[in-house]
N, C-alpha and C. Protein backbone atom coordinates (compact mmCIF):
# COMPACT_ATOMS: atom_id res chain seq x y z
N UNK A 1 100.56 116.58 203.88
CA UNK A 1 99.36 117.23 204.20
C UNK A 1 99.60 118.73 204.19
N UNK A 2 98.70 119.49 203.55
CA UNK A 2 98.90 120.93 203.54
C UNK A 2 98.48 121.54 204.92
N UNK A 3 99.01 122.74 205.13
CA UNK A 3 98.77 123.50 206.34
C UNK A 3 97.29 123.66 206.53
N UNK A 4 96.60 124.00 205.47
CA UNK A 4 95.17 124.25 205.55
C UNK A 4 94.39 123.03 206.07
N UNK A 5 94.80 121.86 205.50
CA UNK A 5 94.16 120.55 205.88
C UNK A 5 94.44 120.27 207.33
N UNK A 6 95.69 120.47 207.73
CA UNK A 6 96.06 120.23 209.09
C UNK A 6 95.23 121.06 210.06
N UNK A 7 95.17 122.40 209.72
CA UNK A 7 94.37 123.21 210.59
C UNK A 7 92.91 122.90 210.62
N UNK A 8 92.39 122.42 209.49
CA UNK A 8 91.01 122.00 209.41
C UNK A 8 90.73 120.82 210.36
N UNK A 9 91.65 119.86 210.25
CA UNK A 9 91.57 118.69 211.13
C UNK A 9 91.68 119.06 212.61
N UNK A 10 92.60 119.97 212.98
CA UNK A 10 92.71 120.45 214.33
C UNK A 10 91.39 121.06 214.81
N UNK A 11 90.85 121.92 213.91
CA UNK A 11 89.61 122.59 214.34
C UNK A 11 88.51 121.56 214.48
N UNK A 12 88.39 120.57 213.59
CA UNK A 12 87.32 119.51 213.69
C UNK A 12 87.53 118.77 214.99
N UNK A 13 88.76 118.40 215.34
CA UNK A 13 88.97 117.72 216.59
C UNK A 13 88.60 118.48 217.81
N UNK A 14 88.83 119.79 217.83
CA UNK A 14 88.45 120.62 218.92
C UNK A 14 87.01 120.76 219.06
N UNK A 15 86.37 120.84 217.86
CA UNK A 15 84.80 120.92 217.85
C UNK A 15 84.22 119.63 218.38
N UNK A 16 84.77 118.52 217.97
CA UNK A 16 84.27 117.21 218.41
C UNK A 16 84.53 117.05 219.99
N UNK A 17 85.60 117.52 220.42
CA UNK A 17 85.92 117.38 221.89
C UNK A 17 84.94 118.22 222.58
N UNK A 18 84.72 119.50 222.20
CA UNK A 18 83.69 120.40 222.81
C UNK A 18 82.29 119.79 222.76
N UNK A 19 81.93 119.19 221.66
CA UNK A 19 80.60 118.62 221.58
C UNK A 19 80.48 117.42 222.56
N UNK A 20 81.46 116.67 222.72
CA UNK A 20 81.44 115.52 223.69
C UNK A 20 81.27 116.00 225.12
N UNK A 21 81.92 117.12 225.39
CA UNK A 21 81.72 117.72 226.76
C UNK A 21 80.31 118.19 226.96
N UNK A 22 79.79 118.79 225.86
CA UNK A 22 78.45 119.34 225.97
C UNK A 22 77.42 118.31 226.13
N UNK A 23 77.59 117.14 225.48
CA UNK A 23 76.66 116.05 225.58
C UNK A 23 76.73 115.40 226.95
N UNK A 24 77.90 115.45 227.58
CA UNK A 24 78.05 114.78 228.91
C UNK A 24 77.05 115.45 229.91
N UNK A 25 76.78 116.74 229.69
CA UNK A 25 75.82 117.41 230.59
C UNK A 25 76.19 117.30 232.02
N UNK A 26 75.18 117.04 232.90
CA UNK A 26 75.46 116.98 234.33
C UNK A 26 76.33 115.82 234.76
N UNK A 27 76.50 114.86 233.81
CA UNK A 27 77.27 113.68 234.16
C UNK A 27 78.78 113.95 233.96
N UNK A 28 79.17 115.05 233.36
CA UNK A 28 80.55 115.38 233.17
C UNK A 28 81.27 115.35 234.57
N UNK A 29 82.37 114.70 234.63
CA UNK A 29 83.10 114.51 235.87
C UNK A 29 82.60 113.38 236.73
N UNK A 30 81.68 112.56 236.24
CA UNK A 30 81.17 111.41 236.94
C UNK A 30 81.29 110.18 236.03
N UNK A 31 82.47 109.67 235.89
CA UNK A 31 82.72 108.51 234.97
C UNK A 31 81.90 107.30 235.33
N UNK A 32 81.66 107.08 236.61
CA UNK A 32 80.90 105.91 237.01
C UNK A 32 79.45 106.03 236.57
N UNK A 33 78.93 107.21 236.69
CA UNK A 33 77.48 107.42 236.26
C UNK A 33 77.44 107.30 234.72
N UNK A 34 78.43 107.84 234.08
CA UNK A 34 78.37 107.79 232.56
C UNK A 34 78.50 106.31 232.22
N UNK A 35 79.33 105.52 232.84
CA UNK A 35 79.43 104.08 232.52
C UNK A 35 78.11 103.35 232.80
N UNK A 36 77.49 103.64 233.91
CA UNK A 36 76.24 103.01 234.23
C UNK A 36 75.16 103.35 233.25
N UNK A 37 75.12 104.64 232.80
CA UNK A 37 74.13 105.08 231.77
C UNK A 37 74.40 104.29 230.46
N UNK A 38 75.67 104.17 230.13
CA UNK A 38 76.01 103.50 228.88
C UNK A 38 75.62 101.97 228.96
N UNK A 39 75.78 101.39 230.13
CA UNK A 39 75.36 100.07 230.32
C UNK A 39 73.83 99.95 230.19
N UNK A 40 73.07 100.88 230.76
CA UNK A 40 71.63 100.87 230.66
C UNK A 40 71.23 100.98 229.20
N UNK A 41 71.87 101.81 228.45
CA UNK A 41 71.54 102.01 227.03
C UNK A 41 71.83 100.73 226.29
N UNK A 42 72.91 100.01 226.65
CA UNK A 42 73.28 98.76 226.05
C UNK A 42 72.21 97.74 226.36
N UNK A 43 71.73 97.71 227.56
CA UNK A 43 70.76 96.76 228.05
C UNK A 43 69.41 96.97 227.25
N UNK A 44 69.12 98.28 227.07
CA UNK A 44 67.86 98.57 226.30
C UNK A 44 67.99 98.01 224.83
N UNK A 45 69.15 98.22 224.26
CA UNK A 45 69.35 97.64 222.83
C UNK A 45 69.24 96.09 222.80
N UNK A 46 69.78 95.49 223.85
CA UNK A 46 69.78 94.01 223.96
C UNK A 46 68.30 93.53 224.18
N UNK A 47 67.56 94.30 224.93
CA UNK A 47 66.11 93.92 225.11
C UNK A 47 65.29 94.08 223.89
N UNK A 48 65.61 95.12 223.07
CA UNK A 48 64.93 95.28 221.78
C UNK A 48 65.30 94.11 220.85
N UNK A 49 66.59 93.69 220.85
CA UNK A 49 67.03 92.59 220.08
C UNK A 49 66.30 91.28 220.50
N UNK A 50 66.10 91.14 221.84
CA UNK A 50 65.47 89.94 222.35
C UNK A 50 64.01 89.99 221.87
N UNK A 51 63.37 91.14 221.95
CA UNK A 51 62.00 91.21 221.46
C UNK A 51 61.89 90.83 219.97
N UNK A 52 62.78 91.34 219.21
CA UNK A 52 62.71 91.08 217.78
C UNK A 52 62.92 89.57 217.54
N UNK A 53 63.88 88.98 218.22
CA UNK A 53 64.16 87.54 218.02
C UNK A 53 62.94 86.70 218.47
N UNK A 54 62.16 87.22 219.35
CA UNK A 54 61.02 86.43 219.87
C UNK A 54 59.69 86.97 219.25
N UNK A 55 59.80 87.64 218.15
CA UNK A 55 58.65 88.26 217.47
C UNK A 55 57.78 89.07 218.39
N UNK A 56 58.47 89.85 219.39
CA UNK A 56 57.84 90.75 220.23
C UNK A 56 56.86 90.13 221.25
N UNK A 57 56.78 88.81 221.30
CA UNK A 57 55.87 88.13 222.21
C UNK A 57 56.55 87.71 223.46
N UNK A 58 56.75 88.64 224.41
CA UNK A 58 57.39 88.33 225.68
C UNK A 58 56.46 88.82 226.82
N UNK A 59 55.19 88.77 226.59
CA UNK A 59 54.25 88.99 227.67
C UNK A 59 54.30 90.42 228.30
N UNK A 60 54.88 91.34 227.55
CA UNK A 60 54.92 92.74 228.01
C UNK A 60 56.17 92.98 228.95
N UNK A 61 56.88 91.89 229.33
CA UNK A 61 57.93 92.07 230.29
C UNK A 61 59.15 92.75 229.68
N UNK A 62 59.45 92.58 228.41
CA UNK A 62 60.60 93.24 227.80
C UNK A 62 60.30 94.70 227.72
N UNK A 63 59.07 95.13 227.37
CA UNK A 63 58.73 96.50 227.27
C UNK A 63 58.78 97.14 228.69
N UNK A 64 58.36 96.41 229.71
CA UNK A 64 58.43 96.94 231.06
C UNK A 64 59.90 97.11 231.53
N UNK A 65 60.74 96.17 231.10
CA UNK A 65 62.18 96.23 231.45
C UNK A 65 62.75 97.45 230.78
N UNK A 66 62.36 97.73 229.51
CA UNK A 66 62.91 98.90 228.82
C UNK A 66 62.49 100.14 229.54
N UNK A 67 61.21 100.21 229.91
CA UNK A 67 60.69 101.33 230.63
C UNK A 67 61.47 101.66 231.97
N UNK A 68 61.70 100.60 232.65
CA UNK A 68 62.43 100.65 233.94
C UNK A 68 63.91 101.14 233.73
N UNK A 69 64.49 100.63 232.61
CA UNK A 69 65.86 101.04 232.29
C UNK A 69 65.90 102.51 231.99
N UNK A 70 64.89 102.97 231.27
CA UNK A 70 64.85 104.42 230.87
C UNK A 70 64.61 105.22 232.14
N UNK A 71 63.85 104.74 233.11
CA UNK A 71 63.69 105.45 234.36
C UNK A 71 64.96 105.47 235.20
N UNK A 72 65.71 104.36 235.06
CA UNK A 72 67.03 104.29 235.81
C UNK A 72 67.97 105.32 235.19
N UNK A 73 67.95 105.49 233.90
CA UNK A 73 68.80 106.53 233.25
C UNK A 73 68.46 107.93 233.79
N UNK A 74 67.16 108.21 233.96
CA UNK A 74 66.77 109.51 234.47
C UNK A 74 67.27 109.62 235.91
N UNK A 75 67.22 108.63 236.70
CA UNK A 75 67.71 108.65 238.08
C UNK A 75 69.12 108.86 238.09
N UNK A 76 69.94 108.29 237.17
CA UNK A 76 71.34 108.47 237.08
C UNK A 76 71.66 109.98 236.74
N UNK A 77 70.93 110.54 235.84
CA UNK A 77 71.07 111.97 235.59
C UNK A 77 70.81 112.87 236.79
N UNK A 78 69.74 112.53 237.48
CA UNK A 78 69.35 113.21 238.69
C UNK A 78 70.43 113.05 239.77
N UNK A 79 71.04 111.93 239.86
CA UNK A 79 72.05 111.69 240.85
C UNK A 79 73.32 112.53 240.48
N UNK A 80 73.56 112.60 239.25
CA UNK A 80 74.78 113.50 238.82
C UNK A 80 74.49 114.90 239.20
N UNK A 81 73.26 115.38 238.90
CA UNK A 81 72.91 116.80 239.26
C UNK A 81 73.02 117.06 240.79
N UNK A 82 72.52 116.07 241.52
CA UNK A 82 72.62 116.19 242.96
C UNK A 82 74.06 116.28 243.49
N UNK A 83 74.89 115.41 242.90
CA UNK A 83 76.31 115.42 243.24
C UNK A 83 76.98 116.71 242.88
N UNK A 84 76.54 117.29 241.69
CA UNK A 84 77.19 118.58 241.28
C UNK A 84 76.70 119.68 242.21
N UNK A 85 75.61 119.64 242.83
CA UNK A 85 75.14 120.67 243.71
C UNK A 85 75.97 120.66 245.03
N UNK A 86 76.52 119.56 245.32
CA UNK A 86 77.29 119.35 246.63
C UNK A 86 78.75 119.38 246.41
N UNK A 87 79.22 119.90 245.37
CA UNK A 87 80.68 119.91 245.13
C UNK A 87 81.25 121.22 245.76
């Protein structure tokens, strides 16, 4: 591998690492909140799959569950912000 390619890969890696930190936002430094949010996102995807498998006829309960999970994600973000204020 040439020096130029090596340096390009190093720069790309650094940029990706910086982007990952930027996306973490207020959750940075709160691995449990990050994990909880990721679990909520996975649950939303599973609910969407359940809706599709049942031709979206779930009496509105799947849509309500998705709404509540999105509200939970927002509360997790707010919890991280509150924790950051008290550091």
